[in-house]
Amino acid sequence: MARRLVDRIEDIQREFPTMLDVGCHRGHVLAQVASQEGLGGKGGVGGVTTLVQGDPSPAAAAAAQAATAADPRAALRFPGGVHTVVLDEEALPFRDGSFDLVTSSLSLHWVNDLPRALAEVKHVS
């Protein structure tokens, strides 16, 4: 599913320097974004140069962070860094307009208050 999601990003002829992956699980979206260079050779797919991945589960966030550390492409593709956080989708801990792109792969169906989570995504993007 992460590959299909990132494939959609490839179709957009625009760069997204800052990306948030909500519900990152074990970092599958990050691995796909890091798999290819972005437009003009900058960053990963979609021109992502800074990626924040977050999950409400501390165990999943730790697994994503470990997978990122083991992936040599992460440091190469993301000069702004890859940051992993434990977060609540219904109360995102970021300022308004912090991200150019927000993704979520198979996690929003677990949210208790979906309209609130989507409102949070709107604020940070």
N, C-alpha and C. Protein backbone atom coordinates (compact mmCIF):
# COMPACT_ATOMS: atom_id res chain seq x y z
N MET A 1 0.82 -1.19 0.00
CA MET A 1 0.00 0.00 0.00
C MET A 1 0.86 1.26 0.00
N ALA A 2 1.98 1.21 0.71
CA ALA A 2 2.86 2.39 0.75
C ALA A 2 3.38 2.70 -0.65
N ARG A 3 3.72 1.67 -1.40
CA ARG A 3 4.22 1.88 -2.76
C ARG A 3 3.15 2.55 -3.62
N ARG A 4 1.91 2.11 -3.49
CA ARG A 4 0.83 2.69 -4.28
C ARG A 4 0.59 4.15 -3.90
N LEU A 5 0.67 4.44 -2.61
CA LEU A 5 0.51 5.81 -2.14
C LEU A 5 1.60 6.71 -2.71
N VAL A 6 2.84 6.27 -2.63
CA VAL A 6 3.96 7.07 -3.13
C VAL A 6 3.92 7.17 -4.65
N ASP A 7 3.39 6.17 -5.31
CA ASP A 7 3.23 6.23 -6.76
C ASP A 7 2.33 7.40 -7.15
N ARG A 8 1.33 7.70 -6.33
CA ARG A 8 0.45 8.84 -6.59
C ARG A 8 1.22 10.16 -6.46
N ILE A 9 2.14 10.21 -5.50
CA ILE A 9 2.94 11.42 -5.31
C ILE A 9 3.82 11.65 -6.52
N GLU A 10 4.34 10.57 -7.11
CA GLU A 10 5.20 10.69 -8.29
C GLU A 10 4.46 11.34 -9.46
N ASP A 11 3.15 11.17 -9.52
CA ASP A 11 2.37 11.72 -10.63
C ASP A 11 2.19 13.23 -10.55
N ILE A 12 2.46 13.82 -9.39
CA ILE A 12 2.26 15.26 -9.20
C ILE A 12 3.55 15.98 -9.56
N GLN A 13 3.48 16.91 -10.48
CA GLN A 13 4.65 17.65 -10.94
C GLN A 13 4.89 18.87 -10.06
N ARG A 14 5.16 18.61 -8.81
CA ARG A 14 5.40 19.65 -7.83
C ARG A 14 6.25 19.06 -6.72
N GLU A 15 7.00 19.90 -6.04
CA GLU A 15 7.83 19.42 -4.94
C GLU A 15 7.15 19.65 -3.60
N PHE A 16 7.40 18.75 -2.68
CA PHE A 16 6.87 18.81 -1.32
C PHE A 16 8.06 18.68 -0.36
N PRO A 17 8.75 19.77 -0.07
CA PRO A 17 9.97 19.68 0.75
C PRO A 17 9.76 19.08 2.14
N THR A 18 8.63 19.39 2.79
CA THR A 18 8.39 18.85 4.13
C THR A 18 7.17 17.94 4.11
N MET A 19 7.35 16.74 4.67
CA MET A 19 6.30 15.73 4.63
C MET A 19 6.07 15.16 6.02
N LEU A 20 4.80 14.92 6.34
CA LEU A 20 4.40 14.25 7.57
C LEU A 20 3.69 12.95 7.18
N ASP A 21 4.13 11.85 7.76
CA ASP A 21 3.46 10.56 7.57
C ASP A 21 2.79 10.21 8.88
N VAL A 22 1.46 10.32 8.92
CA VAL A 22 0.67 10.06 10.12
C VAL A 22 0.33 8.57 10.16
N GLY A 23 0.68 7.91 11.25
CA GLY A 23 0.47 6.48 11.36
C GLY A 23 1.52 5.72 10.57
N CYS A 24 2.76 5.99 10.89
CA CYS A 24 3.88 5.49 10.06
C CYS A 24 4.13 3.99 10.19
N HIS A 25 3.55 3.35 11.19
CA HIS A 25 3.77 1.92 11.42
C HIS A 25 5.27 1.64 11.51
N ARG A 26 5.83 0.91 10.60
CA ARG A 26 7.26 0.57 10.65
C ARG A 26 8.08 1.33 9.61
N GLY A 27 7.55 2.44 9.12
CA GLY A 27 8.31 3.28 8.19
C GLY A 27 8.22 2.88 6.74
N HIS A 28 7.13 2.22 6.36
CA HIS A 28 6.98 1.75 4.98
C HIS A 28 6.90 2.90 3.97
N VAL A 29 6.20 3.97 4.32
CA VAL A 29 6.10 5.12 3.40
C VAL A 29 7.46 5.77 3.24
N LEU A 30 8.19 5.95 4.33
CA LEU A 30 9.52 6.53 4.25
C LEU A 30 10.41 5.72 3.30
N ALA A 31 10.38 4.41 3.44
CA ALA A 31 11.21 3.57 2.57
C ALA A 31 10.87 3.78 1.10
N GLN A 32 9.61 3.95 0.80
CA GLN A 32 9.20 4.15 -0.59
C GLN A 32 9.58 5.55 -1.09
N VAL A 33 9.43 6.55 -0.24
CA VAL A 33 9.80 7.91 -0.63
C VAL A 33 11.31 7.98 -0.86
N ALA A 34 12.07 7.26 -0.06
CA ALA A 34 13.54 7.25 -0.18
C ALA A 34 14.03 6.40 -1.34
N SER A 35 13.16 5.60 -1.94
CA SER A 35 13.59 4.64 -2.97
C SER A 35 14.05 5.30 -4.28
N GLN A 36 13.62 6.55 -4.52
CA GLN A 36 13.99 7.23 -5.76
C GLN A 36 14.25 8.71 -5.48
N GLU A 37 15.03 9.32 -6.37
CA GLU A 37 15.25 10.76 -6.28
C GLU A 37 13.99 11.51 -6.66
N GLY A 38 13.87 12.71 -6.12
CA GLY A 38 12.75 13.56 -6.45
C GLY A 38 12.97 14.32 -7.74
N LEU A 39 12.06 15.21 -8.05
CA LEU A 39 12.16 16.03 -9.24
C LEU A 39 13.47 16.82 -9.21
N GLY A 40 14.17 16.85 -10.28
CA GLY A 40 15.42 17.59 -10.34
C GLY A 40 16.52 17.01 -9.47
N GLY A 41 16.37 15.78 -9.02
CA GLY A 41 17.39 15.13 -8.21
C GLY A 41 17.43 15.56 -6.77
N LYS A 42 16.42 16.31 -6.32
CA LYS A 42 16.41 16.76 -4.93
C LYS A 42 15.55 15.85 -4.08
N GLY A 43 16.09 15.45 -2.93
CA GLY A 43 15.31 14.68 -1.97
C GLY A 43 14.83 13.35 -2.49
N GLY A 44 13.77 12.87 -1.87
CA GLY A 44 13.15 11.62 -2.30
C GLY A 44 11.99 11.91 -3.23
N VAL A 45 11.16 10.92 -3.46
CA VAL A 45 9.99 11.08 -4.32
C VAL A 45 9.21 12.31 -3.88
N GLY A 46 8.81 13.13 -4.83
CA GLY A 46 8.07 14.35 -4.53
C GLY A 46 8.94 15.50 -4.07
N GLY A 47 10.26 15.33 -4.14
CA GLY A 47 11.15 16.39 -3.69
C GLY A 47 11.19 16.54 -2.18
N VAL A 48 10.79 15.49 -1.46
CA VAL A 48 10.79 15.54 0.01
C VAL A 48 12.23 15.59 0.51
N THR A 49 12.55 16.61 1.30
CA THR A 49 13.89 16.72 1.88
C THR A 49 13.87 16.60 3.40
N THR A 50 12.71 16.80 4.00
CA THR A 50 12.54 16.61 5.44
C THR A 50 11.29 15.78 5.65
N LEU A 51 11.41 14.69 6.39
CA LEU A 51 10.27 13.81 6.61
C LEU A 51 10.09 13.56 8.10
N VAL A 52 8.86 13.77 8.56
CA VAL A 52 8.50 13.46 9.94
C VAL A 52 7.53 12.30 9.88
N GLN A 53 7.86 11.24 10.60
CA GLN A 53 6.96 10.09 10.65
C GLN A 53 6.49 9.93 12.09
N GLY A 54 5.19 9.75 12.25
CA GLY A 54 4.65 9.65 13.59
C GLY A 54 3.63 8.55 13.71
N ASP A 55 3.52 8.00 14.92
CA ASP A 55 2.56 6.93 15.17
C ASP A 55 2.10 7.04 16.62
N PRO A 56 0.84 6.70 16.90
CA PRO A 56 0.38 6.75 18.29
C PRO A 56 1.00 5.64 19.15
N SER A 57 1.52 4.62 18.54
CA SER A 57 2.13 3.51 19.26
C SER A 57 3.62 3.75 19.45
N PRO A 58 4.11 3.81 20.68
CA PRO A 58 5.55 3.97 20.88
C PRO A 58 6.36 2.82 20.27
N ALA A 59 5.80 1.61 20.29
CA ALA A 59 6.52 0.47 19.70
C ALA A 59 6.63 0.62 18.19
N ALA A 60 5.58 1.08 17.54
CA ALA A 60 5.63 1.28 16.09
C ALA A 60 6.58 2.41 15.74
N ALA A 61 6.55 3.49 16.51
CA ALA A 61 7.47 4.61 16.25
C ALA A 61 8.92 4.17 16.42
N ALA A 62 9.18 3.35 17.44
CA ALA A 62 10.53 2.84 17.64
C ALA A 62 10.96 1.94 16.50
N ALA A 63 10.04 1.12 15.99
CA ALA A 63 10.36 0.24 14.85
C ALA A 63 10.63 1.08 13.60
N ALA A 64 9.86 2.14 13.40
CA ALA A 64 10.09 3.02 12.25
C ALA A 64 11.43 3.71 12.36
N GLN A 65 11.78 4.16 13.55
CA GLN A 65 13.06 4.82 13.76
C GLN A 65 14.21 3.85 13.51
N ALA A 66 14.08 2.61 13.96
CA ALA A 66 15.11 1.61 13.74
C ALA A 66 15.26 1.30 12.25
N ALA A 67 14.14 1.21 11.54
CA ALA A 67 14.18 0.94 10.09
C ALA A 67 14.84 2.10 9.36
N THR A 68 14.57 3.32 9.80
CA THR A 68 15.18 4.50 9.19
C THR A 68 16.69 4.48 9.39
N ALA A 69 17.13 4.17 10.60
CA ALA A 69 18.56 4.13 10.91
C ALA A 69 19.28 3.07 10.08
N ALA A 70 18.56 2.00 9.74
CA ALA A 70 19.17 0.91 8.97
C ALA A 70 19.14 1.15 7.46
N ASP A 71 18.44 2.19 7.01
CA ASP A 71 18.29 2.46 5.58
C ASP A 71 19.29 3.54 5.16
N PRO A 72 20.33 3.19 4.42
CA PRO A 72 21.34 4.19 4.04
C PRO A 72 20.80 5.29 3.13
N ARG A 73 19.69 5.04 2.46
CA ARG A 73 19.11 6.05 1.57
C ARG A 73 18.50 7.20 2.34
N ALA A 74 18.11 6.97 3.60
CA ALA A 74 17.43 8.01 4.37
C ALA A 74 18.32 9.24 4.54
N ALA A 75 19.56 9.05 4.94
CA ALA A 75 20.47 10.19 5.12
C ALA A 75 20.78 10.85 3.78
N LEU A 76 20.87 10.06 2.74
CA LEU A 76 21.18 10.57 1.41
C LEU A 76 20.03 11.41 0.85
N ARG A 77 18.82 10.93 0.97
CA ARG A 77 17.66 11.58 0.35
C ARG A 77 17.10 12.75 1.15
N PHE A 78 17.28 12.73 2.47
CA PHE A 78 16.62 13.71 3.33
C PHE A 78 17.63 14.56 4.08
N PRO A 79 18.19 15.58 3.41
CA PRO A 79 19.18 16.42 4.08
C PRO A 79 18.59 17.18 5.28
N GLY A 80 17.30 17.41 5.29
CA GLY A 80 16.64 18.06 6.42
C GLY A 80 16.37 17.10 7.56
N GLY A 81 16.62 15.83 7.32
CA GLY A 81 16.48 14.82 8.36
C GLY A 81 15.19 14.05 8.30
N VAL A 82 15.20 12.95 9.01
CA VAL A 82 14.01 12.13 9.24
C VAL A 82 13.79 12.14 10.75
N HIS A 83 12.61 12.53 11.15
CA HIS A 83 12.29 12.65 12.56
C HIS A 83 11.12 11.73 12.87
N THR A 84 11.22 11.00 13.95
CA THR A 84 10.17 10.06 14.34
C THR A 84 9.59 10.49 15.67
N VAL A 85 8.27 10.60 15.74
CA VAL A 85 7.59 11.06 16.95
C VAL A 85 6.40 10.16 17.28
N VAL A 86 6.09 10.10 18.55
CA VAL A 86 4.85 9.48 19.00
C VAL A 86 3.82 10.60 19.03
N LEU A 87 2.70 10.40 18.36
CA LEU A 87 1.70 11.47 18.26
C LEU A 87 0.29 10.94 18.34
N ASP A 88 -0.61 11.86 18.61
CA ASP A 88 -2.05 11.58 18.60
C ASP A 88 -2.60 12.24 17.35
N GLU A 89 -3.21 11.46 16.47
CA GLU A 89 -3.71 12.00 15.21
C GLU A 89 -4.75 13.09 15.42
N GLU A 90 -5.42 13.08 16.56
CA GLU A 90 -6.47 14.06 16.84
C GLU A 90 -5.94 15.33 17.50
N ALA A 91 -4.64 15.36 17.78
CA ALA A 91 -4.02 16.55 18.38
C ALA A 91 -2.56 16.59 17.91
N LEU A 92 -2.35 16.89 16.65
CA LEU A 92 -1.00 16.89 16.09
C LEU A 92 -0.15 17.98 16.74
N PRO A 93 1.08 17.64 17.14
CA PRO A 93 1.92 18.58 17.89
C PRO A 93 2.78 19.49 17.02
N PHE A 94 2.18 20.05 15.97
CA PHE A 94 2.93 20.89 15.04
C PHE A 94 2.20 22.21 14.81
N ARG A 95 2.96 23.24 14.46
CA ARG A 95 2.37 24.54 14.14
C ARG A 95 1.57 24.46 12.84
N ASP A 96 0.65 25.37 12.69
CA ASP A 96 -0.12 25.47 11.44
C ASP A 96 0.83 25.68 10.28
N GLY A 97 0.57 25.03 9.16
CA GLY A 97 1.36 25.20 7.94
C GLY A 97 2.76 24.63 8.00
N SER A 98 3.00 23.68 8.87
CA SER A 98 4.35 23.11 9.02
C SER A 98 4.76 22.19 7.87
N PHE A 99 3.79 21.63 7.15
CA PHE A 99 4.10 20.61 6.15
C PHE A 99 3.51 20.94 4.79
N ASP A 100 4.24 20.53 3.76
CA ASP A 100 3.76 20.68 2.39
C ASP A 100 2.91 19.49 1.97
N LEU A 101 3.13 18.35 2.63
CA LEU A 101 2.44 17.11 2.27
C LEU A 101 2.21 16.31 3.53
N VAL A 102 0.98 15.79 3.70
CA VAL A 102 0.66 14.90 4.81
C VAL A 102 0.08 13.63 4.21
N THR A 103 0.64 12.50 4.60
CA THR A 103 0.14 11.21 4.13
C THR A 103 -0.25 10.35 5.31
N SER A 104 -1.04 9.33 5.03
CA SER A 104 -1.40 8.33 6.02
C SER A 104 -1.74 7.06 5.26
N SER A 105 -1.07 6.01 5.59
CA SER A 105 -1.27 4.74 4.88
C SER A 105 -1.88 3.71 5.84
N LEU A 106 -3.16 3.46 5.65
CA LEU A 106 -3.88 2.43 6.41
C LEU A 106 -3.84 2.64 7.92
N SER A 107 -4.05 3.89 8.35
CA SER A 107 -4.09 4.11 9.80
C SER A 107 -5.27 4.96 10.26
N LEU A 108 -5.81 5.80 9.41
CA LEU A 108 -6.87 6.70 9.85
C LEU A 108 -8.16 5.97 10.23
N HIS A 109 -8.34 4.75 9.79
CA HIS A 109 -9.55 4.03 10.18
C HIS A 109 -9.54 3.64 11.66
N TRP A 110 -8.39 3.76 12.32
CA TRP A 110 -8.28 3.46 13.75
C TRP A 110 -8.58 4.68 14.62
N VAL A 111 -8.71 5.85 14.03
CA VAL A 111 -8.90 7.09 14.78
C VAL A 111 -10.32 7.14 15.34
N ASN A 112 -10.44 7.60 16.57
CA ASN A 112 -11.77 7.69 17.21
C ASN A 112 -12.59 8.83 16.63
N ASP A 113 -11.98 9.98 16.37
CA ASP A 113 -12.68 11.16 15.88
C ASP A 113 -12.07 11.59 14.54
N LEU A 114 -12.52 10.96 13.48
CA LEU A 114 -11.95 11.21 12.16
C LEU A 114 -12.08 12.67 11.72
N PRO A 115 -13.24 13.31 11.88
CA PRO A 115 -13.31 14.72 11.48
C PRO A 115 -12.26 15.57 12.21
N ARG A 116 -12.03 15.31 13.47
CA ARG A 116 -11.03 16.07 14.23
C ARG A 116 -9.63 15.79 13.68
N ALA A 117 -9.32 14.53 13.38
CA ALA A 117 -8.00 14.18 12.83
C ALA A 117 -7.79 14.87 11.48
N LEU A 118 -8.80 14.88 10.64
CA LEU A 118 -8.67 15.54 9.33
C LEU A 118 -8.54 17.05 9.48
N ALA A 119 -9.21 17.62 10.47
CA ALA A 119 -9.05 19.06 10.74
C ALA A 119 -7.62 19.36 11.18
N GLU A 120 -7.03 18.47 11.97
CA GLU A 120 -5.64 18.63 12.40
C GLU A 120 -4.70 18.58 11.19
N VAL A 121 -4.95 17.65 10.28
CA VAL A 121 -4.14 17.55 9.07
C VAL A 121 -4.24 18.84 8.26
N LYS A 122 -5.45 19.37 8.16
CA LYS A 122 -5.63 20.61 7.42
C LYS A 122 -4.83 21.75 8.04
N HIS A 123 -4.79 21.81 9.35
CA HIS A 123 -4.06 22.89 10.02
C HIS A 123 -2.55 22.80 9.81
N VAL A 124 -2.03 21.59 9.82
CA VAL A 124 -0.56 21.47 9.72
C VAL A 124 -0.08 21.50 8.28
N SER A 125 -0.98 21.40 7.31
CA SER A 125 -0.56 21.41 5.90
C SER A 125 -0.89 22.73 5.24
